[in-house]
Amino acid sequence: MTAQQPSNATAAAESAVAMDELDRRLLNIVQTGFPIVAEPYKELGEQLGTSEEDILARLQRFKDTGAIRRIGGIFDSRKLGYRSTLCAMRVPEERYDEVAEVINAVPGVTHNYRREHEFNMWFTLIAPSTEAMEATLDQMRQASGCDIHNLPATRFFKIKVDFNL
């Protein structure tokens, strides 16, 4: 996996996945009201008047086409005692894919993006403590051979986005 390119509205519109009304209703529920039960896909099927198999097939199609990346919980890492930071790197172009693989292999990396800038790779890292974060960053510096600028947040702004489909 290489770092993601910044999105382009035109390209996104051209690659949009065709959706019917049931797809839209399903994605609206999955974003904000995923059932926390023993058989959630069966429950979704019952809510939407279809089968568990149909729900699973629809979600797999969205995953296969890249319309959704994952289905899972969103946790407030700070309330769980974790620390997070934004990092910036200046990576030689000829080593970009190699370094992206090194960074992406670290379990605490949640996002990694290519930027058109002197600092061309930006990523976020979450760790259980400040000490663990610094140790991980030191390991990443050694493994990548690149300097990493640690840019911890001084203020937090959390924006919740739901797409009304």
Protein backbone atom coordinates (compact mmCIF):
# COMPACT_ATOMS: atom_id res chain seq x y z
CA MET A 1 0.00 0.00 0.00
CA THR A 2 1.36 3.40 -0.89
CA ALA A 3 0.32 6.72 0.57
CA GLN A 4 -2.98 8.04 -0.71
CA GLN A 5 -3.15 10.87 -3.20
CA PRO A 6 -5.25 13.92 -2.38
CA SER A 7 -8.78 13.45 -3.69
CA ASN A 8 -9.97 15.02 -6.92
CA ALA A 9 -13.70 15.80 -7.16
CA THR A 10 -13.82 15.13 -10.90
CA ALA A 11 -12.12 11.76 -10.60
CA ALA A 12 -14.36 10.84 -7.67
CA ALA A 13 -17.50 11.68 -9.63
CA GLU A 14 -16.31 9.60 -12.58
CA SER A 15 -15.60 6.58 -10.39
CA ALA A 16 -18.78 6.81 -8.29
CA VAL A 17 -20.42 3.48 -7.52
CA ALA A 18 -23.96 3.03 -8.81
CA MET A 19 -26.40 2.74 -5.89
CA ASP A 20 -30.04 1.87 -5.62
CA GLU A 21 -32.37 3.06 -2.85
CA LEU A 22 -31.60 0.02 -0.67
CA ASP A 23 -27.85 0.70 -0.96
CA ARG A 24 -28.41 4.28 0.20
CA ARG A 25 -30.56 3.22 3.15
CA LEU A 26 -28.00 0.55 4.12
CA LEU A 27 -25.07 2.98 4.05
CA ASN A 28 -27.00 5.56 6.06
CA ILE A 29 -27.64 2.97 8.80
CA VAL A 30 -24.09 1.57 8.75
CA GLN A 31 -22.61 5.05 9.29
CA THR A 32 -24.49 5.89 12.46
CA GLY A 33 -26.61 3.01 13.69
CA PHE A 34 -24.77 -0.25 13.07
CA PRO A 35 -26.55 -2.84 15.23
CA ILE A 36 -24.49 -4.17 18.12
CA VAL A 37 -26.04 -7.63 18.24
CA ALA A 38 -24.86 -11.22 17.72
CA GLU A 39 -25.94 -11.22 14.04
CA PRO A 40 -25.71 -7.60 12.87
CA TYR A 41 -26.00 -8.31 9.13
CA LYS A 42 -29.12 -10.40 9.69
CA GLU A 43 -30.53 -7.53 11.76
CA LEU A 44 -29.72 -5.06 8.97
CA GLY A 45 -31.47 -7.35 6.49
CA GLU A 46 -34.57 -7.45 8.69
CA GLN A 47 -34.55 -3.66 9.10
CA LEU A 48 -34.28 -3.18 5.35
CA GLY A 49 -36.58 -5.98 4.21
CA THR A 50 -33.91 -8.15 2.61
CA SER A 51 -31.64 -11.05 3.53
CA GLU A 52 -28.40 -11.21 5.48
CA GLU A 53 -26.74 -12.58 2.32
CA ASP A 54 -27.92 -9.55 0.29
CA ILE A 55 -26.57 -7.15 2.95
CA LEU A 56 -23.20 -8.92 2.98
CA ALA A 57 -23.02 -8.92 -0.83
CA ARG A 58 -23.84 -5.21 -1.03
CA LEU A 59 -21.24 -4.29 1.60
CA GLN A 60 -18.64 -6.50 -0.10
CA ARG A 61 -19.33 -4.73 -3.42
CA PHE A 62 -18.76 -1.36 -1.73
CA LYS A 63 -15.54 -2.65 -0.20
CA ASP A 64 -14.34 -4.17 -3.49
CA THR A 65 -14.94 -0.90 -5.35
CA GLY A 66 -13.30 1.19 -2.64
CA ALA A 67 -16.51 3.04 -1.78
CA ILE A 68 -16.03 1.95 1.84
CA ARG A 69 -12.69 1.10 3.41
CA ARG A 70 -13.87 -0.63 6.54
CA ILE A 71 -16.71 -1.16 8.94
CA GLY A 72 -15.78 -0.76 12.58
CA GLY A 73 -16.01 1.26 15.71
CA ILE A 74 -14.61 4.74 16.17
CA PHE A 75 -12.99 5.28 19.55
CA ASP A 76 -11.77 8.41 21.29
CA SER A 77 -8.14 7.37 21.68
CA ARG A 78 -7.43 10.14 24.22
CA LYS A 79 -10.19 8.86 26.53
CA LEU A 80 -8.62 5.41 26.30
CA GLY A 81 -5.25 6.86 27.40
CA TYR A 82 -3.60 6.91 23.97
CA ARG A 83 -1.62 9.73 22.38
CA SER A 84 -1.74 10.71 18.73
CA THR A 85 0.33 12.96 16.55
CA LEU A 86 0.66 14.21 13.00
CA CYS A 87 4.03 13.60 11.37
CA ALA A 88 5.71 15.02 8.28
CA MET A 89 8.59 13.60 6.26
CA ARG A 90 10.75 14.74 3.39
CA VAL A 91 11.14 11.55 1.31
CA PRO A 92 13.30 11.35 -1.84
CA GLU A 93 10.97 10.63 -4.75
CA GLU A 94 12.94 7.57 -5.84
CA ARG A 95 12.40 6.04 -2.36
CA TYR A 96 8.80 7.12 -1.87
CA ASP A 97 7.09 3.71 -2.30
CA GLU A 98 9.76 1.96 -0.22
CA VAL A 99 9.38 4.44 2.67
CA ALA A 100 5.57 4.33 2.42
CA GLU A 101 5.74 0.55 2.94
CA VAL A 102 7.92 1.03 6.04
CA ILE A 103 5.55 3.64 7.52
CA ASN A 104 2.38 1.75 6.62
CA ALA A 105 3.69 -1.42 8.30
CA VAL A 106 3.64 0.28 11.73
CA PRO A 107 0.45 -0.78 13.57
CA GLY A 108 -0.24 2.69 15.05
CA VAL A 109 -0.25 4.50 11.69
CA THR A 110 -3.85 5.41 10.88
CA HIS A 111 -3.47 7.63 7.80
CA ASN A 112 -0.65 8.24 5.33
CA TYR A 113 -0.87 10.81 2.54
CA ARG A 114 1.36 12.09 -0.24
CA ARG A 115 1.57 15.87 -0.45
CA GLU A 116 2.81 18.17 -3.18
CA HIS A 117 5.24 19.90 -0.82
CA GLU A 118 8.82 19.79 0.40
CA PHE A 119 7.48 17.54 3.16
CA ASN A 120 5.80 15.08 0.84
CA MET A 121 4.65 12.33 3.23
CA TRP A 122 2.30 13.04 6.13
CA PHE A 123 0.89 10.44 8.49
CA THR A 124 -0.81 10.11 11.85
CA LEU A 125 0.42 7.84 14.61
CA ILE A 126 -1.39 6.62 17.73
CA ALA A 127 0.48 5.04 20.66
CA PRO A 128 -0.38 4.04 24.24
CA SER A 129 1.88 6.74 25.74
CA THR A 130 4.15 9.63 24.80
CA GLU A 131 7.16 7.43 25.57
CA ALA A 132 5.89 4.63 23.32
CA MET A 133 5.20 7.16 20.58
CA GLU A 134 8.75 8.55 20.74
CA ALA A 135 10.20 5.02 20.70
CA THR A 136 8.05 4.12 17.68
CA LEU A 137 9.08 7.31 15.86
CA ASP A 138 12.75 6.54 16.55
CA GLN A 139 12.28 3.03 15.11
CA MET A 140 10.53 4.49 12.08
CA ARG A 141 13.36 6.98 11.53
CA GLN A 142 15.91 4.16 11.62
CA ALA A 143 13.88 1.84 9.38
CA SER A 144 13.10 4.54 6.79
CA GLY A 145 16.39 6.42 6.89
CA CYS A 146 14.39 9.66 6.86
CA ASP A 147 13.82 12.38 9.41
CA ILE A 148 10.32 12.54 10.87
CA HIS A 149 8.90 15.78 12.22
CA ASN A 150 6.54 15.14 15.11
CA LEU A 151 3.72 17.72 15.12
CA PRO A 152 1.49 16.98 18.13
CA ALA A 153 -1.80 18.83 18.32
CA THR A 154 -2.10 21.65 20.82
CA ARG A 155 -5.89 21.95 20.34
CA PHE A 156 -8.37 19.33 19.17
CA PHE A 157 -11.19 19.88 16.73
CA LYS A 158 -13.28 16.81 16.03
CA ILE A 159 -15.70 17.04 13.15
CA LYS A 160 -18.32 14.32 12.77
CA VAL A 161 -19.32 13.71 9.20
CA ASP A 162 -22.20 11.53 8.08
CA PHE A 163 -23.07 11.30 4.40
CA ASN A 164 -26.82 11.54 3.93
CA LEU A 165 -27.27 9.20 1.03
